[in-house]
Each structure stands twice: as C-alpha cells, then as structure tokens.
PDB file of all heavy atoms in Angstrom:
ATOM      1  N   TRP A   1     -92.072-218.964 106.917  1.00  0.00           N
ATOM      2  CA  TRP A   1     -91.624-218.299 105.694  1.00  0.00           C
ATOM      3  C   TRP A   1     -91.378-216.821 105.944  1.00  0.00           C
ATOM      4  O   TRP A   1     -91.934-216.236 106.857  1.00  0.00           O
ATOM      5  CB  TRP A   1     -92.689-218.414 104.610  1.00  0.00           C
ATOM      6  CG  TRP A   1     -93.072-219.803 104.250  1.00  0.00           C
ATOM      7  CD1 TRP A   1     -93.982-220.588 104.908  1.00  0.00           C
ATOM      8  CD2 TRP A   1     -92.588-220.578 103.180  1.00  0.00           C
ATOM      9  NE1 TRP A   1     -94.084-221.803 104.285  1.00  0.00           N
ATOM     10  CE2 TRP A   1     -93.238-221.832 103.219  1.00  0.00           C
ATOM     11  CE3 TRP A   1     -91.655-220.347 102.167  1.00  0.00           C
ATOM     12  CZ2 TRP A   1     -92.992-222.835 102.299  1.00  0.00           C
ATOM     13  CZ3 TRP A   1     -91.411-221.345 101.241  1.00  0.00           C
ATOM     14  CH2 TRP A   1     -92.079-222.569 101.307  1.00  0.00           C
ATOM     15  N   GLU A   2     -90.614-216.223 105.064  1.00  0.00           N
ATOM     16  CA  GLU A   2     -90.358-214.787 105.041  1.00  0.00           C
ATOM     17  C   GLU A   2     -90.888-214.262 103.696  1.00  0.00           C
ATOM     18  O   GLU A   2     -90.111-214.032 102.768  1.00  0.00           O
ATOM     19  CB  GLU A   2     -88.850-214.552 105.179  1.00  0.00           C
ATOM     20  CG  GLU A   2     -88.471-213.149 105.456  1.00  0.00           C
ATOM     21  CD  GLU A   2     -86.978-213.072 105.739  1.00  0.00           C
ATOM     22  OE1 GLU A   2     -86.191-213.415 104.837  1.00  0.00           O
ATOM     23  OE2 GLU A   2     -86.632-212.661 106.852  1.00  0.00           O
ATOM     24  N   PRO A   3     -92.196-214.076 103.559  1.00  0.00           N
ATOM     25  CA  PRO A   3     -92.775-213.795 102.243  1.00  0.00           C
ATOM     26  C   PRO A   3     -92.540-212.391 101.697  1.00  0.00           C
ATOM     27  O   PRO A   3     -92.523-212.213 100.488  1.00  0.00           O
ATOM     28  CB  PRO A   3     -94.266-214.033 102.457  1.00  0.00           C
ATOM     29  CG  PRO A   3     -94.485-213.757 103.897  1.00  0.00           C
ATOM     30  CD  PRO A   3     -93.221-214.186 104.590  1.00  0.00           C
ATOM     31  N   LEU A   4     -92.364-211.396 102.557  1.00  0.00           N
ATOM     32  CA  LEU A   4     -92.269-210.023 102.055  1.00  0.00           C
ATOM     33  C   LEU A   4     -90.909-209.648 101.509  1.00  0.00           C
ATOM     34  O   LEU A   4     -90.807-208.809 100.629  1.00  0.00           O
ATOM     35  CB  LEU A   4     -92.674-209.037 103.158  1.00  0.00           C
ATOM     36  CG  LEU A   4     -94.125-209.161 103.627  1.00  0.00           C
ATOM     37  CD1 LEU A   4     -94.408-208.145 104.715  1.00  0.00           C
ATOM     38  CD2 LEU A   4     -95.088-209.007 102.476  1.00  0.00           C
ATOM     39  N   THR A   5     -89.849-210.254 102.017  1.00  0.00           N
ATOM     40  CA  THR A   5     -88.517-209.871 101.561  1.00  0.00           C
ATOM     41  C   THR A   5     -87.936-210.863 100.566  1.00  0.00           C
ATOM     42  O   THR A   5     -87.587-210.495  99.457  1.00  0.00           O
ATOM     43  CB  THR A   5     -87.551-209.697 102.744  1.00  0.00           C
ATOM     44  OG1 THR A   5     -87.548-210.894 103.521  1.00  0.00           O
ATOM     45  CG2 THR A   5     -87.981-208.544 103.626  1.00  0.00           C
ATOM     46  N   SER A   6     -87.861-212.127 100.956  1.00  0.00           N
ATOM     47  CA  SER A   6     -87.190-213.087 100.078  1.00  0.00           C
ATOM     48  C   SER A   6     -88.093-214.209  99.582  1.00  0.00           C
ATOM     49  O   SER A   6     -87.803-214.849  98.589  1.00  0.00           O
ATOM     50  CB  SER A   6     -86.000-213.714 100.810  1.00  0.00           C
ATOM     51  OG  SER A   6     -86.468-214.512 101.884  1.00  0.00           O
ATOM     52  N   GLY A   7     -89.166-214.479 100.316  1.00  0.00           N
ATOM     53  CA  GLY A   7     -90.014-215.604  99.957  1.00  0.00           C
ATOM     54  C   GLY A   7     -89.422-216.945 100.342  1.00  0.00           C
ATOM     55  O   GLY A   7     -89.978-217.994 100.041  1.00  0.00           O
ATOM     56  N   ARG A   8     -88.301-216.931 101.044  1.00  0.00           N
ATOM     57  CA  ARG A   8     -87.641-218.187 101.388  1.00  0.00           C
ATOM     58  C   ARG A   8     -88.198-218.773 102.682  1.00  0.00           C
ATOM     59  O   ARG A   8     -88.707-218.060 103.530  1.00  0.00           O
ATOM     60  CB  ARG A   8     -86.138-218.012 101.482  1.00  0.00           C
ATOM     61  CG  ARG A   8     -85.672-217.194 102.652  1.00  0.00           C
ATOM     62  CD  ARG A   8     -84.155-217.010 102.651  1.00  0.00           C
ATOM     63  NE  ARG A   8     -83.758-216.184 103.761  1.00  0.00           N
ATOM     64  CZ  ARG A   8     -83.326-216.639 104.919  1.00  0.00           C
ATOM     65  NH1 ARG A   8     -83.221-217.933 105.117  1.00  0.00           N
ATOM     66  NH2 ARG A   8     -82.982-215.827 105.896  1.00  0.00           N
ATOM     67  N   MET A   9     -88.037-220.076 102.821  1.00  0.00           N
ATOM     68  CA  MET A   9     -88.433-220.770 104.029  1.00  0.00           C
ATOM     69  C   MET A   9     -87.347-220.583 105.082  1.00  0.00           C
ATOM     70  O   MET A   9     -86.164-220.759 104.809  1.00  0.00           O
ATOM     71  CB  MET A   9     -88.648-222.258 103.750  1.00  0.00           C
ATOM     72  CG  MET A   9     -89.153-223.001 104.941  1.00  0.00           C
ATOM     73  SD  MET A   9     -89.499-224.763 104.693  1.00  0.00           S
ATOM     74  CE  MET A   9     -88.475-225.230 103.340  1.00  0.00           C
ATOM     75  N   LEU A  10     -87.741-220.218 106.304  1.00  0.00           N
ATOM     76  CA  LEU A  10     -86.790-219.985 107.386  1.00  0.00           C
ATOM     77  C   LEU A  10     -86.609-221.205 108.276  1.00  0.00           C
ATOM     78  O   LEU A  10     -85.531-221.435 108.805  1.00  0.00           O
ATOM     79  CB  LEU A  10     -87.263-218.819 108.268  1.00  0.00           C
ATOM     80  CG  LEU A  10     -87.437-217.477 107.590  1.00  0.00           C
ATOM     81  CD1 LEU A  10     -88.021-216.467 108.563  1.00  0.00           C
ATOM     82  CD2 LEU A  10     -86.105-216.990 107.049  1.00  0.00           C
ATOM     83  N   ARG A  11     -87.673-221.965 108.445  1.00  0.00           N
ATOM     84  CA  ARG A  11     -87.647-223.080 109.392  1.00  0.00           C
ATOM     85  C   ARG A  11     -88.682-224.120 108.996  1.00  0.00           C
ATOM     86  O   ARG A  11     -89.728-223.784 108.464  1.00  0.00           O
ATOM     87  CB  ARG A  11     -87.962-222.536 110.785  1.00  0.00           C
ATOM     88  CG  ARG A  11     -87.817-223.509 111.911  1.00  0.00           C
ATOM     89  CD  ARG A  11     -87.984-222.783 113.231  1.00  0.00           C
ATOM     90  NE  ARG A  11     -88.029-223.749 114.319  1.00  0.00           N
ATOM     91  CZ  ARG A  11     -88.485-223.494 115.508  1.00  0.00           C
ATOM     92  NH1 ARG A  11     -88.930-222.293 115.803  1.00  0.00           N
ATOM     93  NH2 ARG A  11     -88.494-224.422 116.447  1.00  0.00           N
ATOM     94  N   GLU A  12     -88.371-225.381 109.289  1.00  0.00           N
ATOM     95  CA  GLU A  12     -89.277-226.488 108.986  1.00  0.00           C
ATOM     96  C   GLU A  12     -89.314-227.417 110.205  1.00  0.00           C
ATOM     97  O   GLU A  12     -88.266-227.808 110.716  1.00  0.00           O
ATOM     98  CB  GLU A  12     -88.766-227.231 107.757  1.00  0.00           C
ATOM     99  CG  GLU A  12     -89.627-228.362 107.302  1.00  0.00           C
ATOM    100  CD  GLU A  12     -89.100-228.981 106.027  1.00  0.00           C
ATOM    101  OE1 GLU A  12     -87.979-229.538 106.054  1.00  0.00           O
ATOM    102  OE2 GLU A  12     -89.799-228.901 105.015  1.00  0.00           O
ATOM    103  N   MET A  13     -90.531-227.728 110.683  1.00  0.00           N
ATOM    104  CA  MET A  13     -90.682-228.549 111.880  1.00  0.00           C
ATOM    105  C   MET A  13     -91.666-229.681 111.589  1.00  0.00           C
ATOM    106  O   MET A  13     -92.727-229.439 111.017  1.00  0.00           O
ATOM    107  CB  MET A  13     -91.213-227.689 113.039  1.00  0.00           C
ATOM    108  CG  MET A  13     -90.280-226.548 113.351  1.00  0.00           C
ATOM    109  SD  MET A  13     -90.978-224.948 113.871  1.00  0.00           S
ATOM    110  CE  MET A  13     -92.485-224.710 113.099  1.00  0.00           C
ATOM    111  N   LYS A  14     -91.329-230.889 111.992  1.00  0.00           N
ATOM    112  CA  LYS A  14     -92.183-232.054 111.742  1.00  0.00           C
ATOM    113  C   LYS A  14     -93.279-232.125 112.805  1.00  0.00           C
ATOM    114  O   LYS A  14     -93.001-232.277 113.988  1.00  0.00           O
ATOM    115  CB  LYS A  14     -91.345-233.332 111.756  1.00  0.00           C
ATOM    116  CG  LYS A  14     -92.140-234.598 111.531  1.00  0.00           C
ATOM    117  CD  LYS A  14     -92.714-234.658 110.150  1.00  0.00           C
ATOM    118  CE  LYS A  14     -93.392-236.006 109.897  1.00  0.00           C
ATOM    119  NZ  LYS A  14     -94.252-236.004 108.748  1.00  0.00           N
ATOM    120  N   HIS A  15     -94.530-231.993 112.381  1.00  0.00           N
ATOM    121  CA  HIS A  15     -95.669-232.089 113.281  1.00  0.00           C
ATOM    122  C   HIS A  15     -96.102-233.539 113.458  1.00  0.00           C
ATOM    123  O   HIS A  15     -96.319-234.002 114.548  1.00  0.00           O
ATOM    124  CB  HIS A  15     -96.850-231.263 112.768  1.00  0.00           C
ATOM    125  CG  HIS A  15     -98.111-231.496 113.533  1.00  0.00           C
ATOM    126  ND1 HIS A  15     -98.449-230.740 114.624  1.00  0.00           N
ATOM    127  CD2 HIS A  15     -99.083-232.421 113.400  1.00  0.00           C
ATOM    128  CE1 HIS A  15     -99.590-231.192 115.117  1.00  0.00           C
ATOM    129  NE2 HIS A  15     -99.991-232.203 114.388  1.00  0.00           N
ATOM    130  N   GLY A  16     -96.264-234.240 112.368  1.00  0.00           N
ATOM    131  CA  GLY A  16     -96.787-235.614 112.378  1.00  0.00           C
ATOM    132  C   GLY A  16     -97.671-235.801 111.160  1.00  0.00           C
ATOM    133  O   GLY A  16     -97.242-235.526 110.051  1.00  0.00           O
ATOM    134  N   PRO A  17     -98.917-236.218 111.367  1.00  0.00           N
ATOM    135  CA  PRO A  17     -99.818-236.355 110.223  1.00  0.00           C
ATOM    136  C   PRO A  17    -100.205-234.983 109.653  1.00  0.00           C
ATOM    137  O   PRO A  17     -99.822-233.949 110.186  1.00  0.00           O
ATOM    138  CB  PRO A  17    -101.022-237.086 110.788  1.00  0.00           C
ATOM    139  CG  PRO A  17    -100.983-236.854 112.243  1.00  0.00           C
ATOM    140  CD  PRO A  17     -99.535-236.636 112.614  1.00  0.00           C
ATOM    141  N   ARG A  18    -100.986-234.991 108.630  1.00  0.00           N
ATOM    142  CA  ARG A  18    -101.408-233.774 107.917  1.00  0.00           C
ATOM    143  C   ARG A  18    -101.807-232.664 108.894  1.00  0.00           C
ATOM    144  O   ARG A  18    -102.544-232.883 109.845  1.00  0.00           O
ATOM    145  CB  ARG A  18    -102.582-234.109 107.002  1.00  0.00           C
ATOM    146  CG  ARG A  18    -103.104-232.960 106.185  1.00  0.00           C
ATOM    147  CD  ARG A  18    -104.155-233.424 105.191  1.00  0.00           C
ATOM    148  NE  ARG A  18    -105.265-234.121 105.809  1.00  0.00           N
ATOM    149  CZ  ARG A  18    -106.433-233.549 106.125  1.00  0.00           C
ATOM    150  NH1 ARG A  18    -106.623-232.270 105.884  1.00  0.00           N
ATOM    151  NH2 ARG A  18    -107.394-234.262 106.665  1.00  0.00           N
ATOM    152  N   VAL A  19    -101.299-231.457 108.664  1.00  0.00           N
ATOM    153  CA  VAL A  19    -101.584-230.300 109.513  1.00  0.00           C
ATOM    154  C   VAL A  19    -102.825-229.593 108.981  1.00  0.00           C
ATOM    155  O   VAL A  19    -102.893-229.242 107.804  1.00  0.00           O
ATOM    156  CB  VAL A  19    -100.382-229.327 109.563  1.00  0.00           C
ATOM    157  CG1 VAL A  19    -100.694-228.118 110.422  1.00  0.00           C
ATOM    158  CG2 VAL A  19     -99.136-230.045 110.067  1.00  0.00           C
ATOM    159  N   VAL A  20    -103.804-229.381 109.871  1.00  0.00           N
ATOM    160  CA  VAL A  20    -105.061-228.759 109.448  1.00  0.00           C
ATOM    161  C   VAL A  20    -105.245-227.343 109.987  1.00  0.00           C
ATOM    162  O   VAL A  20    -106.127-226.625 109.537  1.00  0.00           O
ATOM    163  CB  VAL A  20    -106.280-229.631 109.836  1.00  0.00           C
ATOM    164  CG1 VAL A  20    -106.234-230.956 109.104  1.00  0.00           C
ATOM    165  CG2 VAL A  20    -106.364-229.849 111.339  1.00  0.00           C
ATOM    166  N   LEU A  21    -104.403-226.934 110.965  1.00  0.00           N
ATOM    167  CA  LEU A  21    -104.534-225.603 111.550  1.00  0.00           C
ATOM    168  C   LEU A  21    -103.188-225.138 112.093  1.00  0.00           C
ATOM    169  O   LEU A  21    -102.477-225.923 112.730  1.00  0.00           O
ATOM    170  CB  LEU A  21    -105.550-225.624 112.705  1.00  0.00           C
ATOM    171  CG  LEU A  21    -105.745-224.307 113.448  1.00  0.00           C
ATOM    172  CD1 LEU A  21    -106.724-223.434 112.684  1.00  0.00           C
ATOM    173  CD2 LEU A  21    -106.264-224.565 114.850  1.00  0.00           C
ATOM    174  N   VAL A  22    -102.836-223.890 111.837  1.00  0.00           N
ATOM    175  CA  VAL A  22    -101.698-223.227 112.481  1.00  0.00           C
ATOM    176  C   VAL A  22    -102.163-221.849 112.925  1.00  0.00           C
ATOM    177  O   VAL A  22    -102.861-221.167 112.184  1.00  0.00           O
ATOM    178  CB  VAL A  22    -100.450-223.102 111.564  1.00  0.00           C
ATOM    179  CG1 VAL A  22     -99.795-224.432 111.318  1.00  0.00           C
ATOM    180  CG2 VAL A  22    -100.761-222.417 110.260  1.00  0.00           C
ATOM    181  N   ARG A  23    -101.796-221.456 114.165  1.00  0.00           N
ATOM    182  CA  ARG A  23    -102.156-220.138 114.679  1.00  0.00           C
ATOM    183  C   ARG A  23    -101.045-219.614 115.573  1.00  0.00           C
ATOM    184  O   ARG A  23    -100.545-220.327 116.432  1.00  0.00           O
ATOM    185  CB  ARG A  23    -103.443-220.177 115.514  1.00  0.00           C
ATOM    186  CG  ARG A  23    -104.705-220.380 114.735  1.00  0.00           C
ATOM    187  CD  ARG A  23    -105.060-219.152 113.896  1.00  0.00           C
ATOM    188  NE  ARG A  23    -106.285-219.367 113.165  1.00  0.00           N
ATOM    189  CZ  ARG A  23    -106.377-219.887 111.947  1.00  0.00           C
ATOM    190  NH1 ARG A  23    -105.292-220.263 111.310  1.00  0.00           N
ATOM    191  NH2 ARG A  23    -107.516-220.046 111.355  1.00  0.00           N
ATOM    192  N   HIS A  24    -100.705-218.340 115.377  1.00  0.00           N
ATOM    193  CA  HIS A  24     -99.724-217.668 116.225  1.00  0.00           C
ATOM    194  C   HIS A  24    -100.390-217.192 117.516  1.00  0.00           C
ATOM    195  O   HIS A  24    -101.580-216.860 117.521  1.00  0.00           O
ATOM    196  CB  HIS A  24     -99.155-216.438 115.510  1.00  0.00           C
ATOM    197  CG  HIS A  24     -98.165-216.764 114.457  1.00  0.00           C
ATOM    198  ND1 HIS A  24     -98.529-216.997 113.145  1.00  0.00           N
ATOM    199  CD2 HIS A  24     -96.821-216.902 114.515  1.00  0.00           C
ATOM    200  CE1 HIS A  24     -97.436-217.248 112.439  1.00  0.00           C
ATOM    201  NE2 HIS A  24     -96.391-217.203 113.245  1.00  0.00           N
ATOM    202  N   SER A  25     -99.600-217.111 118.579  1.00  0.00           N
ATOM    203  CA  SER A  25    -100.066-216.491 119.812  1.00  0.00           C
ATOM    204  C   SER A  25    -100.174-214.986 119.562  1.00  0.00           C
ATOM    205  O   SER A  25     -99.554-214.458 118.631  1.00  0.00           O
ATOM    206  CB  SER A  25     -99.104-216.785 120.957  1.00  0.00           C
ATOM    207  OG  SER A  25     -97.834-216.249 120.693  1.00  0.00           O
ATOM    208  N   PRO A  26    -100.947-214.263 120.382  1.00  0.00           N
ATOM    209  CA  PRO A  26    -101.100-212.814 120.165  1.00  0.00           C
ATOM    210  C   PRO A  26     -99.779-212.041 120.163  1.00  0.00           C
ATOM    211  O   PRO A  26     -99.650-211.053 119.457  1.00  0.00           O
ATOM    212  CB  PRO A  26    -101.984-212.373 121.332  1.00  0.00           C
ATOM    213  CG  PRO A  26    -102.775-213.593 121.674  1.00  0.00           C
ATOM    214  CD  PRO A  26    -101.823-214.750 121.449  1.00  0.00           C
ATOM    215  N   ASP A  27     -98.789-212.505 120.930  1.00  0.00           N
ATOM    216  CA  ASP A  27     -97.500-211.796 120.944  1.00  0.00           C
ATOM    217  C   ASP A  27     -96.534-212.305 119.873  1.00  0.00           C
ATOM    218  O   ASP A  27     -95.422-211.824 119.748  1.00  0.00           O
ATOM    219  CB  ASP A  27     -96.847-211.861 122.317  1.00  0.00           C
ATOM    220  CG  ASP A  27     -96.402-213.264 122.719  1.00  0.00           C
ATOM    221  OD1 ASP A  27     -96.633-214.232 121.949  1.00  0.00           O
ATOM    222  OD2 ASP A  27     -95.826-213.397 123.813  1.00  0.00           O
ATOM    223  N   GLY A  28     -96.930-213.310 119.089  1.00  0.00           N
ATOM    224  CA  GLY A  28     -96.123-213.826 117.994  1.00  0.00           C
ATOM    225  C   GLY A  28     -94.968-214.722 118.401  1.00  0.00           C
ATOM    226  O   GLY A  28     -94.203-215.161 117.553  1.00  0.00           O
ATOM    227  N   SER A  29     -94.848-215.035 119.685  1.00  0.00           N
ATOM    228  CA  SER A  29     -93.703-215.825 120.152  1.00  0.00           C
ATOM    229  C   SER A  29     -93.915-217.328 120.017  1.00  0.00           C
ATOM    230  O   SER A  29     -92.957-218.087 120.021  1.00  0.00           O
ATOM    231  CB  SER A  29     -93.383-215.493 121.608  1.00  0.00           C
ATOM    232  OG  SER A  29     -94.431-215.935 122.454  1.00  0.00           O
ATOM    233  N   ARG A  30     -95.155-217.746 119.914  1.00  0.00           N
ATOM    234  CA  ARG A  30     -95.453-219.178 119.819  1.00  0.00           C
ATOM    235  C   ARG A  30     -96.419-219.441 118.688  1.00  0.00           C
ATOM    236  O   ARG A  30     -97.121-218.565 118.210  1.00  0.00           O
ATOM    237  CB  ARG A  30     -96.045-219.681 121.131  1.00  0.00           C
ATOM    238  CG  ARG A  30     -95.040-219.608 122.252  1.00  0.00           C
ATOM    239  CD  ARG A  30     -95.334-220.617 123.307  1.00  0.00           C
ATOM    240  NE  ARG A  30     -94.223-220.659 124.251  1.00  0.00           N
ATOM    241  CZ  ARG A  30     -94.344-220.358 125.519  1.00  0.00           C
ATOM    242  NH1 ARG A  30     -95.507-220.011 126.007  1.00  0.00           N
ATOM    243  NH2 ARG A  30     -93.294-220.434 126.305  1.00  0.00           N
ATOM    244  N   LEU A  31     -96.436-220.712 118.301  1.00  0.00           N
ATOM    245  CA  LEU A  31     -97.309-221.162 117.221  1.00  0.00           C
ATOM    246  C   LEU A  31     -97.894-222.503 117.646  1.00  0.00           C
ATOM    247  O   LEU A  31     -97.188-223.357 118.182  1.00  0.00           O
ATOM    248  CB  LEU A  31     -96.488-221.338 115.937  1.00  0.00           C
ATOM    249  CG  LEU A  31     -97.226-221.805 114.699  1.00  0.00           C
ATOM    250  CD1 LEU A  31     -98.045-220.652 114.123  1.00  0.00           C
ATOM    251  CD2 LEU A  31     -96.244-222.322 113.659  1.00  0.00           C
ATOM    252  N   VAL A  32     -99.175-222.689 117.425  1.00  0.00           N
ATOM    253  CA  VAL A  32     -99.794-223.976 117.699  1.00  0.00           C
ATOM    254  C   VAL A  32    -100.164-224.608 116.360  1.00  0.00           C
ATOM    255  O   VAL A  32    -100.573-223.922 115.428  1.00  0.00           O
ATOM    256  CB  VAL A  32    -101.031-223.847 118.625  1.00  0.00           C
ATOM    257  CG1 VAL A  32    -102.165-223.087 117.960  1.00  0.00           C
ATOM    258  CG2 VAL A  32    -101.506-225.205 119.097  1.00  0.00           C
TER     259      VAL A  32
END
C-alpha cells in the first residue's frame, strides 16, 4: 500500500493460506 499519499494498493501477491506475518528486509528491497 501507499498509505501516506493516496491510500491505494500498489501490488497484490498470492501467498497461499492465511498470512500471519510480513516483514521487510532492513534495506526495504525484500519482504518475507
């Protein structure tokens, strides 16, 4: 999401079953 400017969703990716955790890498380039 882009919450500060538009609040719109930028991208959507299918993980699988219910997602219980998301975390960015320290440099912000990756997400687990």
